[in-house]
Amino acid sequence: MYHSALKPPLDIAGELDHYAGARGEVFAWDITRGVHPAYRQADAIYSEPAWRDGYRKFLARAGQIGSSSFADYLEAIRAVVLSLGKPAYIVAGRHMLRELEPDFTIPVQLHGYLAYAAIWNAPAPEEVVTTDDLLVYVCEHHETILDFSCGYGNVARTARRCICSDINRHCVYVVARELGYDG
């Protein structure tokens, strides 16, 4: 289950603003609003944010069309990463790297396509080939993982504990169910 602009969204009956349970917390938040206070509880960041070609589609699905530009989104990602100062691994396309300005990048495969892990405040992980490998690496080396563009919850399914947010309340509902919400 992967939230992609290249596929239709899941038919999700529920929406949710916030849920907190034993394995973590998920809430509706637009990262262009800055650092949410809950973000500070994380030990590391892993996220697979929207890419340029899908950004408007994600905003439309969330009922937020016109709320920000893709440039605003990338600027916000960089600002959050720098503000938190934690190990950060952001999966990005080449077109995103100039604005994100990571400490360094490594190539990774995202669903069979070339992407990059933009990395800050952390060493390069060894033997990482795919984004799945990278996510497992991050979750094995850190207790609580922040994902500020959580979609349908890859981090929530993998991490021991997570802090997840997304602009889309349907995604928050899906992740909350993964974390134990039964409403």
Protein backbone atom coordinates (compact mmCIF):
# COMPACT_ATOMS: atom_id res chain seq x y z
CA MET A 1 0.00 0.00 0.00
CA TYR A 2 1.75 3.12 -1.24
CA HIS A 3 0.24 6.58 -1.76
CA SER A 4 1.37 7.67 -5.19
CA ALA A 5 0.32 10.42 -7.56
CA LEU A 6 0.85 7.85 -10.33
CA LYS A 7 -2.03 5.70 -9.03
CA PRO A 8 -5.58 6.47 -7.97
CA PRO A 9 -5.96 6.99 -4.23
CA LEU A 10 -7.42 4.21 -2.11
CA ASP A 11 -11.15 4.43 -1.41
CA ILE A 12 -10.85 5.44 2.24
CA ALA A 13 -14.05 5.98 4.18
CA GLY A 14 -12.50 7.73 7.15
CA GLU A 15 -10.68 10.96 7.89
CA LEU A 16 -8.85 11.85 11.06
CA ASP A 17 -7.02 14.85 12.51
CA HIS A 18 -4.98 13.09 15.21
CA TYR A 19 -4.27 9.76 16.85
CA ALA A 20 -1.69 8.78 19.47
CA GLY A 21 -1.01 5.24 20.63
CA ALA A 22 1.75 3.11 22.12
CA ARG A 23 3.70 2.88 18.82
CA GLY A 24 3.43 6.51 17.88
CA GLU A 25 1.44 9.49 16.79
CA VAL A 26 -0.09 10.63 13.50
CA PHE A 27 -1.75 13.94 12.73
CA ALA A 28 -2.82 16.25 9.93
CA TRP A 29 -0.15 18.88 9.31
CA ASP A 30 1.04 20.88 6.33
CA ILE A 31 4.83 20.96 6.54
CA THR A 32 4.85 24.37 4.87
CA ARG A 33 3.55 25.65 8.25
CA GLY A 34 6.92 24.72 9.79
CA VAL A 35 8.06 22.44 12.60
CA HIS A 36 5.18 20.84 14.50
CA PRO A 37 6.10 20.53 18.22
CA ALA A 38 5.66 16.72 18.09
CA TYR A 39 8.44 16.50 15.48
CA ARG A 40 10.99 17.21 18.21
CA GLN A 41 10.28 13.82 19.83
CA ALA A 42 11.84 11.95 16.89
CA ASP A 43 15.38 10.56 16.86
CA ALA A 44 15.67 10.61 13.06
CA ILE A 45 13.76 11.59 9.93
CA TYR A 46 12.81 9.37 7.00
CA SER A 47 10.38 10.59 4.36
CA GLU A 48 9.42 9.99 0.76
CA PRO A 49 7.84 13.36 -0.08
CA ALA A 50 5.84 14.29 -3.14
CA TRP A 51 7.73 14.99 -6.35
CA ARG A 52 7.11 18.03 -8.55
CA ASP A 53 4.83 16.27 -11.06
CA GLY A 54 2.57 14.88 -8.33
CA TYR A 55 2.53 17.75 -5.85
CA ARG A 56 -0.63 19.48 -7.15
CA LYS A 57 -2.43 16.14 -7.26
CA PHE A 58 -1.60 15.47 -3.59
CA LEU A 59 -2.80 18.96 -2.64
CA ALA A 60 -6.05 18.39 -4.57
CA ARG A 61 -6.65 15.04 -2.83
CA ALA A 62 -6.21 16.79 0.51
CA GLY A 63 -8.55 19.64 -0.47
CA GLN A 64 -5.62 22.07 -0.25
CA ILE A 65 -5.11 23.10 -3.88
CA GLY A 66 -3.27 26.41 -4.13
CA SER A 67 -2.15 26.36 -0.49
CA SER A 68 1.54 26.23 -1.44
CA SER A 69 3.89 25.77 -4.36
CA PHE A 70 6.32 22.91 -4.87
CA ALA A 71 9.16 25.36 -4.19
CA ASP A 72 7.49 26.27 -0.85
CA TYR A 73 7.25 22.55 -0.03
CA LEU A 74 10.94 21.88 -0.72
CA GLU A 75 11.95 24.99 1.22
CA ALA A 76 9.83 23.78 4.18
CA ILE A 77 11.38 20.29 4.08
CA ARG A 78 14.87 21.78 4.19
CA ALA A 79 13.91 24.20 6.97
CA VAL A 80 12.41 21.42 9.12
CA VAL A 81 15.45 19.16 8.60
CA LEU A 82 17.87 21.96 9.49
CA SER A 83 15.81 23.17 12.44
CA LEU A 84 15.60 19.70 14.01
CA GLY A 85 19.28 18.88 13.39
CA LYS A 86 18.61 15.14 13.55
CA PRO A 87 19.81 12.41 11.17
CA ALA A 88 17.63 12.84 8.10
CA TYR A 89 17.06 10.65 5.05
CA ILE A 90 14.77 12.17 2.42
CA VAL A 91 14.05 10.25 -0.79
CA ALA A 92 14.22 12.71 -3.67
CA GLY A 93 14.48 13.07 -7.40
CA ARG A 94 17.44 14.84 -8.97
CA HIS A 95 15.15 17.85 -9.64
CA MET A 96 14.74 18.34 -5.86
CA LEU A 97 18.36 18.23 -4.75
CA ARG A 98 19.42 21.80 -5.55
CA GLU A 99 16.66 23.22 -3.31
CA LEU A 100 17.10 20.62 -0.55
CA GLU A 101 20.91 21.07 -0.37
CA PRO A 102 21.63 17.88 1.60
CA ASP A 103 25.02 17.18 3.15
CA PHE A 104 25.37 14.41 0.54
CA THR A 105 23.31 11.95 -1.49
CA ILE A 106 23.42 8.27 -2.36
CA PRO A 107 21.56 6.63 -5.24
CA VAL A 108 18.62 4.38 -4.30
CA GLN A 109 15.96 2.52 -6.25
CA LEU A 110 12.39 3.72 -5.65
CA HIS A 111 9.92 1.23 -7.14
CA GLY A 112 12.53 0.26 -9.72
CA TYR A 113 13.48 3.82 -10.68
CA LEU A 114 16.58 5.83 -9.81
CA ALA A 115 16.14 8.22 -6.91
CA TYR A 116 18.45 9.71 -4.31
CA ALA A 117 18.61 9.58 -0.56
CA ALA A 118 19.31 13.15 0.52
CA ILE A 119 21.13 12.80 3.84
CA TRP A 120 21.90 15.27 6.63
CA ASN A 121 23.60 14.80 10.01
CA ALA A 122 24.33 11.11 9.45
CA PRO A 123 26.88 8.80 7.84
CA ALA A 124 26.17 7.03 4.56
CA PRO A 125 24.46 3.71 5.19
CA GLU A 126 26.29 0.72 3.76
CA GLU A 127 24.71 -1.85 1.44
CA VAL A 128 21.57 0.18 0.80
CA VAL A 129 20.20 -0.34 -2.71
CA THR A 130 16.47 0.40 -2.47
CA THR A 131 14.30 2.77 -0.48
CA ASP A 132 13.01 -0.30 1.38
CA ASP A 133 16.62 -1.08 2.42
CA LEU A 134 17.08 2.53 3.50
CA LEU A 135 13.89 2.56 5.58
CA VAL A 136 14.91 -0.67 7.35
CA TYR A 137 18.39 0.78 8.00
CA VAL A 138 16.96 3.96 9.53
CA CYS A 139 14.46 2.04 11.67
CA GLU A 140 17.13 -0.37 12.92
CA HIS A 141 19.44 2.49 13.95
CA HIS A 142 16.88 4.86 15.53
CA GLU A 143 14.03 4.40 17.97
CA THR A 144 11.47 7.04 16.91
CA ILE A 145 11.23 8.02 13.24
CA LEU A 146 9.60 11.19 11.92
CA ASP A 147 7.83 11.06 8.56
CA PHE A 148 6.24 14.43 7.71
CA SER A 149 4.76 13.18 4.39
CA CYS A 150 3.59 9.82 5.66
CA GLY A 151 1.08 8.85 2.97
CA TYR A 152 -0.29 5.40 3.76
CA GLY A 153 2.33 4.69 6.40
CA ASN A 154 5.52 2.96 5.26
CA VAL A 155 7.32 4.33 8.31
CA ALA A 156 4.45 3.39 10.65
CA ARG A 157 4.58 -0.21 9.41
CA THR A 158 8.37 -0.46 9.83
CA ALA A 159 9.47 1.70 12.77
CA ARG A 160 9.39 0.65 16.40
CA ARG A 161 7.88 4.07 17.13
CA CYS A 162 6.94 6.92 14.82
CA ILE A 163 5.79 10.50 14.57
CA CYS A 164 3.87 10.81 11.30
CA SER A 165 2.05 13.66 9.63
CA ASP A 166 0.43 14.32 6.30
CA ILE A 167 -1.61 17.11 4.78
CA ASN A 168 -4.26 14.53 3.79
CA ARG A 169 -6.65 13.48 6.59
CA HIS A 170 -7.48 10.25 4.73
CA CYS A 171 -3.80 9.29 5.01
CA VAL A 172 -3.85 10.16 8.72
CA TYR A 173 -6.79 7.77 9.13
CA VAL A 174 -4.97 4.92 7.34
CA VAL A 175 -1.82 5.40 9.44
CA ALA A 176 -3.85 5.67 12.65
CA ARG A 177 -5.41 2.27 11.86
CA GLU A 178 -1.88 0.88 11.44
CA LEU A 179 -0.99 2.27 14.86
CA GLY A 180 -4.03 0.75 16.58
CA TYR A 181 -6.92 3.18 16.06
CA ASP A 182 -10.16 1.21 15.85
CA GLY A 183 -12.67 3.98 15.11
